[in-house]
Amino acid sequence: MIGKIALVLLFILLVWGNLVAGLKAGLACPDWPLCHGQVVPPFRWDIYVEFIHRVIGGITSIFIFILCYQRFKAYIGAIKTIPLLVVILLIFQIVLGGIVVLMELPVDLTTFHFANAIVIFALVVYMVSYDGINNKPTFSISGYKGLFFLLSILIFAQAVLGAYVRHSSSGLACPDFPTCLGYWIPPEISGIVLNHFAHRGLAYLITIVVAILLIASYSSSSLQKYRGKLSLLIGLIVLQVILGVAVVLTKLNFAVTAFHLFVGLLILTTALYAWFQGMRESRV
């Protein structure tokens, strides 16, 4: 139960962080760990958008620390390093969050902050999947399990690249769709255009990979057991592409971009669970 609560809170925290960025409220609390020098800041809508993000972050951290403690006691051998690693990454994330604010949201550091959060998210998904009692923890990237591991890496890279596009103001570098600046391949791919175009290109690659795996699942007995998750993945990806178009056409509407991240997290979670499913079944 603790694990599921931690994962849901982490979902909310990441999406709320996206809302903070979309509403330009990232510096509404310009100091850290206090907000305007107070534990409870004065009321203003943008201050409380950022302040609530900090509150959710604090509550989420408590649940993740408890989860890590439980898993450290239950896990045996080298896998014990996973909850330890999450604790280290979470402490680093908290400190890094303060540095990001004090340095006034530098693009590279803000993107790294998000990337670290996604690593924590993936590891929490792992700990939710394996409690060490009913489900023994394992690790393998051989065979088809390796394909889902690589797919998860691609999705992780896409999420981080999306964050970089957002924070580097590259979101409207290609203001049209499906072309970019009126071209299928822009004549000058550099700077913010390169950022945006790379994000689109990686999205197409992920879509093709999942589509190929889904088609192969109808002829491969080894992939057949993954068909349900692959069907869910392709459905989520189609929705994500539609949302990506909506993000551009609505000129980065904060609600649309937050939902875009939410679906992206669902895609990553589904890919991770497919990988974990293969590892669990290989132990039977």
Protein backbone atom coordinates (compact mmCIF):
# COMPACT_ATOMS: atom_id res chain seq x y z
CA MET A 1 0.00 0.00 0.00
CA ILE A 2 2.81 2.43 0.89
CA GLY A 3 4.39 1.79 -2.50
CA LYS A 4 1.21 2.51 -4.44
CA ILE A 5 0.60 5.69 -2.46
CA ALA A 6 4.19 6.81 -3.10
CA LEU A 7 3.82 6.12 -6.82
CA VAL A 8 0.52 8.01 -7.11
CA LEU A 9 1.97 10.96 -5.18
CA LEU A 10 5.02 10.92 -7.45
CA PHE A 11 2.72 11.02 -10.49
CA ILE A 12 0.92 14.03 -9.01
CA LEU A 13 4.19 15.73 -8.07
CA LEU A 14 5.65 15.44 -11.58
CA VAL A 15 2.45 16.65 -13.27
CA TRP A 16 2.10 19.50 -10.76
CA GLY A 17 5.69 20.49 -11.49
CA ASN A 18 4.74 20.70 -15.15
CA LEU A 19 1.82 22.97 -14.23
CA VAL A 20 4.21 25.19 -12.24
CA ALA A 21 6.39 25.59 -15.34
CA GLY A 22 3.38 26.12 -17.61
CA LEU A 23 2.00 28.85 -15.37
CA LYS A 24 5.44 30.51 -15.10
CA ALA A 25 5.32 30.13 -11.32
CA GLY A 26 8.72 28.49 -10.85
CA LEU A 27 10.17 31.57 -9.16
CA ALA A 28 7.04 32.59 -7.27
CA CYS A 29 8.93 31.37 -4.20
CA PRO A 30 12.35 32.91 -4.94
CA ASP A 31 14.03 31.52 -1.81
CA TRP A 32 14.53 28.03 -0.38
CA PRO A 33 13.68 26.16 1.80
CA LEU A 34 11.36 28.96 2.98
CA CYS A 35 9.01 30.81 0.65
CA HIS A 36 9.29 34.61 0.86
CA GLY A 37 11.09 34.04 4.14
CA GLN A 38 8.12 32.27 5.70
CA VAL A 39 7.09 28.68 6.41
CA VAL A 40 3.57 29.57 5.21
CA PRO A 41 3.86 32.30 2.55
CA PRO A 42 1.44 35.18 1.90
CA PHE A 43 -1.46 34.30 -0.35
CA ARG A 44 -1.06 34.92 -4.08
CA TRP A 45 -2.16 32.39 -6.67
CA ASP A 46 1.25 31.88 -8.30
CA ILE A 47 3.00 31.65 -4.92
CA TYR A 48 0.65 28.89 -3.85
CA VAL A 49 1.00 27.01 -7.14
CA GLU A 50 4.73 26.72 -6.36
CA PHE A 51 4.22 26.33 -2.59
CA ILE A 52 1.77 23.43 -3.06
CA HIS A 53 4.35 21.79 -5.32
CA ARG A 54 6.83 21.94 -2.43
CA VAL A 55 4.25 20.55 0.00
CA ILE A 56 3.41 17.65 -2.33
CA GLY A 57 7.15 17.05 -2.74
CA GLY A 58 7.63 16.87 1.03
CA ILE A 59 4.76 14.43 1.54
CA THR A 60 5.89 12.30 -1.42
CA SER A 61 9.44 12.18 -0.06
CA ILE A 62 8.20 10.84 3.29
CA PHE A 63 6.32 7.99 1.61
CA ILE A 64 9.28 7.17 -0.64
CA PHE A 65 11.64 7.05 2.35
CA ILE A 66 9.26 4.67 4.14
CA LEU A 67 9.01 2.51 1.00
CA CYS A 68 12.80 2.39 0.70
CA TYR A 69 13.10 1.32 4.34
CA GLN A 70 10.58 -1.48 3.81
CA ARG A 71 12.25 -2.73 0.63
CA PHE A 72 15.74 -2.55 2.12
CA LYS A 73 14.61 -4.88 4.90
CA ALA A 74 12.84 -7.25 2.47
CA TYR A 75 15.37 -7.36 -0.36
CA ILE A 76 18.32 -9.76 -0.29
CA GLY A 77 21.77 -9.39 -1.86
CA ALA A 78 22.80 -6.81 -4.45
CA ILE A 79 19.19 -5.70 -5.07
CA LYS A 80 19.35 -3.95 -1.68
CA THR A 81 21.27 -1.23 -3.51
CA ILE A 82 18.07 -0.11 -5.26
CA PRO A 83 16.30 1.38 -2.20
CA LEU A 84 19.64 2.81 -1.06
CA LEU A 85 20.13 4.41 -4.46
CA VAL A 86 16.63 5.90 -4.36
CA VAL A 87 17.34 7.47 -0.95
CA ILE A 88 20.56 9.02 -2.28
CA LEU A 89 18.86 10.27 -5.46
CA LEU A 90 15.92 11.67 -3.49
CA ILE A 91 18.16 13.61 -1.09
CA PHE A 92 20.10 14.89 -4.10
CA GLN A 93 16.81 15.83 -5.79
CA ILE A 94 15.67 17.87 -2.79
CA VAL A 95 18.95 19.78 -2.61
CA LEU A 96 19.03 20.21 -6.39
CA GLY A 97 15.50 21.64 -6.30
CA GLY A 98 16.69 24.36 -3.96
CA ILE A 99 19.72 25.10 -6.15
CA VAL A 100 17.51 25.33 -9.25
CA VAL A 101 15.37 27.99 -7.55
CA LEU A 102 18.30 29.96 -6.14
CA MET A 103 19.98 29.97 -9.56
CA GLU A 104 16.71 31.15 -11.16
CA LEU A 105 15.86 28.07 -13.22
CA PRO A 106 18.87 27.52 -15.52
CA VAL A 107 17.80 25.36 -18.49
CA ASP A 108 20.39 22.58 -18.21
CA LEU A 109 20.07 22.23 -14.44
CA THR A 110 16.26 22.29 -14.57
CA THR A 111 16.31 19.56 -17.21
CA PHE A 112 18.74 17.49 -15.13
CA HIS A 113 16.43 17.96 -12.13
CA PHE A 114 13.57 16.48 -14.17
CA ALA A 115 15.75 13.63 -15.47
CA ASN A 116 16.73 12.68 -11.92
CA ALA A 117 13.04 12.72 -10.94
CA ILE A 118 12.23 10.30 -13.78
CA VAL A 119 15.01 7.94 -12.64
CA ILE A 120 13.51 8.00 -9.14
CA PHE A 121 10.08 7.39 -10.66
CA ALA A 122 11.31 4.33 -12.58
CA LEU A 123 13.00 2.89 -9.49
CA VAL A 124 9.85 3.44 -7.41
CA VAL A 125 7.87 1.56 -10.08
CA TYR A 126 10.40 -1.27 -9.66
CA MET A 127 9.99 -1.30 -5.88
CA VAL A 128 6.20 -1.30 -6.23
CA SER A 129 6.47 -4.27 -8.60
CA TYR A 130 8.74 -6.29 -6.31
CA ASP A 131 7.99 -6.24 -2.60
CA GLY A 132 10.69 -8.81 -1.83
CA ILE A 133 8.14 -11.10 -0.14
CA ASN A 134 5.43 -12.08 -2.60
CA ASN A 135 7.49 -11.02 -5.62
CA LYS A 136 11.23 -11.62 -5.42
CA PRO A 137 13.31 -8.83 -7.01
CA THR A 138 15.30 -9.69 -10.11
CA PHE A 139 17.12 -8.02 -13.01
CA SER A 140 17.54 -9.17 -16.60
CA ILE A 141 17.80 -7.57 -20.03
CA SER A 142 18.18 -10.73 -22.08
CA GLY A 143 15.84 -11.76 -24.91
CA TYR A 144 12.56 -9.89 -25.30
CA LYS A 145 13.03 -8.44 -21.83
CA GLY A 146 15.96 -6.52 -23.25
CA LEU A 147 13.71 -5.02 -25.94
CA PHE A 148 11.37 -3.61 -23.31
CA PHE A 149 14.35 -2.35 -21.31
CA LEU A 150 15.65 -0.52 -24.40
CA LEU A 151 12.14 0.76 -25.12
CA SER A 152 12.00 2.14 -21.58
CA ILE A 153 15.35 3.87 -22.17
CA LEU A 154 13.99 5.45 -25.36
CA ILE A 155 10.90 6.68 -23.54
CA PHE A 156 13.06 8.05 -20.72
CA ALA A 157 15.21 9.90 -23.27
CA GLN A 158 12.07 11.27 -24.93
CA ALA A 159 10.71 12.53 -21.60
CA VAL A 160 14.00 14.27 -20.76
CA LEU A 161 14.26 15.72 -24.25
CA GLY A 162 10.69 16.99 -23.89
CA ALA A 163 11.68 18.73 -20.66
CA TYR A 164 14.66 20.32 -22.40
CA VAL A 165 12.39 21.48 -25.25
CA ARG A 166 10.08 23.03 -22.66
CA HIS A 167 12.72 24.77 -20.58
CA SER A 168 14.79 25.96 -23.56
CA SER A 169 11.70 27.66 -25.08
CA SER A 170 11.80 25.29 -28.07
CA GLY A 171 8.16 24.22 -27.78
CA LEU A 172 6.99 26.45 -30.63
CA ALA A 173 10.15 26.26 -32.75
CA CYS A 174 8.07 24.15 -35.15
CA PRO A 175 4.69 25.94 -34.96
CA ASP A 176 3.02 23.67 -37.54
CA PHE A 177 2.28 19.94 -37.80
CA PRO A 178 3.06 17.49 -39.34
CA THR A 179 5.62 19.71 -41.10
CA CYS A 180 8.14 21.92 -39.32
CA LEU A 181 8.29 25.52 -40.54
CA GLY A 182 6.54 24.31 -43.69
CA TYR A 183 9.11 21.56 -44.41
CA TRP A 184 9.17 17.83 -43.68
CA ILE A 185 12.85 18.35 -42.90
CA PRO A 186 13.74 22.00 -42.15
CA PRO A 187 16.63 23.34 -44.27
CA GLU A 188 18.44 24.63 -41.18
CA ILE A 189 18.27 22.25 -38.24
CA SER A 190 20.03 23.93 -35.33
CA GLY A 191 19.29 25.59 -32.01
CA ILE A 192 15.68 25.44 -30.85
CA VAL A 193 14.53 23.96 -34.17
CA LEU A 194 16.91 21.04 -33.67
CA ASN A 195 15.60 20.55 -30.13
CA HIS A 196 11.98 20.43 -31.25
CA PHE A 197 12.60 18.38 -34.40
CA ALA A 198 14.64 15.81 -32.44
CA HIS A 199 11.77 15.46 -29.97
CA ARG A 200 9.35 14.75 -32.82
CA GLY A 201 11.78 12.35 -34.48
CA LEU A 202 12.26 10.31 -31.31
CA ALA A 203 8.48 10.16 -30.89
CA TYR A 204 8.16 8.67 -34.39
CA LEU A 205 10.91 6.13 -33.61
CA ILE A 206 9.20 4.99 -30.40
CA THR A 207 5.88 4.66 -32.25
CA ILE A 208 7.47 2.52 -34.97
CA VAL A 209 9.25 0.27 -32.44
CA VAL A 210 6.04 -0.36 -30.46
CA ALA A 211 4.03 -0.94 -33.66
CA ILE A 212 6.58 -3.50 -34.90
CA LEU A 213 6.53 -5.31 -31.54
CA LEU A 214 2.73 -5.37 -31.53
CA ILE A 215 2.58 -6.80 -35.07
CA ALA A 216 5.27 -9.35 -34.16
CA SER A 217 3.24 -10.46 -31.13
CA TYR A 218 0.70 -12.06 -33.50
CA SER A 219 3.34 -14.39 -34.93
CA SER A 220 5.79 -14.81 -32.06
CA SER A 221 4.80 -17.01 -29.13
CA SER A 222 7.42 -15.28 -26.97
CA LEU A 223 5.87 -11.86 -27.60
CA GLN A 224 2.26 -13.01 -27.45
CA LYS A 225 2.08 -12.64 -23.66
CA TYR A 226 3.03 -8.95 -24.03
CA ARG A 227 0.26 -8.18 -26.55
CA GLY A 228 -2.05 -6.60 -23.99
CA LYS A 229 0.59 -4.15 -22.79
CA LEU A 230 1.74 -3.47 -26.37
CA SER A 231 -1.87 -2.69 -27.38
CA LEU A 232 -2.15 -0.34 -24.40
CA LEU A 233 1.17 1.26 -25.33
CA ILE A 234 0.16 1.93 -28.93
CA GLY A 235 -3.14 3.44 -27.75
CA LEU A 236 -1.36 5.70 -25.27
CA ILE A 237 1.20 6.69 -27.89
CA VAL A 238 -1.52 7.68 -30.37
CA LEU A 239 -3.13 9.78 -27.63
CA GLN A 240 0.28 11.27 -26.81
CA VAL A 241 0.89 12.25 -30.43
CA ILE A 242 -2.53 13.94 -30.54
CA LEU A 243 -1.69 15.79 -27.33
CA GLY A 244 1.69 16.77 -28.76
CA VAL A 245 -0.08 18.37 -31.71
CA ALA A 246 -2.50 20.07 -29.31
CA VAL A 247 0.42 21.45 -27.29
CA VAL A 248 1.73 23.18 -30.43
CA LEU A 249 -1.65 24.34 -31.74
CA THR A 250 -2.71 25.74 -28.34
CA LYS A 251 0.66 27.46 -28.04
CA LEU A 252 1.78 25.51 -24.96
CA ASN A 253 -1.47 25.66 -23.01
CA PHE A 254 -0.51 24.72 -19.44
CA ALA A 255 -3.32 22.17 -18.98
CA VAL A 256 -2.58 20.42 -22.28
CA THR A 257 1.15 20.23 -21.57
CA ALA A 258 0.48 18.81 -18.08
CA PHE A 259 -1.80 16.13 -19.55
CA HIS A 260 0.90 15.45 -22.17
CA LEU A 261 3.36 14.67 -19.37
CA PHE A 262 0.76 12.58 -17.52
CA VAL A 263 0.26 10.34 -20.56
CA GLY A 264 4.03 10.19 -21.07
CA LEU A 265 4.41 8.85 -17.52
CA LEU A 266 1.72 6.24 -18.23
CA ILE A 267 3.66 5.16 -21.34
CA LEU A 268 6.89 4.81 -19.35
CA THR A 269 5.11 2.90 -16.57
CA THR A 270 3.53 0.48 -19.07
CA ALA A 271 6.88 -0.19 -20.76
CA LEU A 272 8.52 -0.78 -17.38
CA TYR A 273 5.79 -3.18 -16.27
CA ALA A 274 6.20 -5.13 -19.54
CA TRP A 275 9.92 -5.45 -18.78
CA PHE A 276 9.23 -6.50 -15.18
CA GLN A 277 6.60 -9.00 -16.35
CA GLY A 278 9.19 -10.73 -18.49
CA MET A 279 11.70 -10.86 -15.65
CA ARG A 280 9.13 -12.25 -13.23
CA GLU A 281 7.96 -14.96 -15.63
CA SER A 282 11.54 -16.00 -16.42
CA ARG A 283 11.93 -16.98 -12.74
CA VAL A 284 8.96 -19.33 -12.80
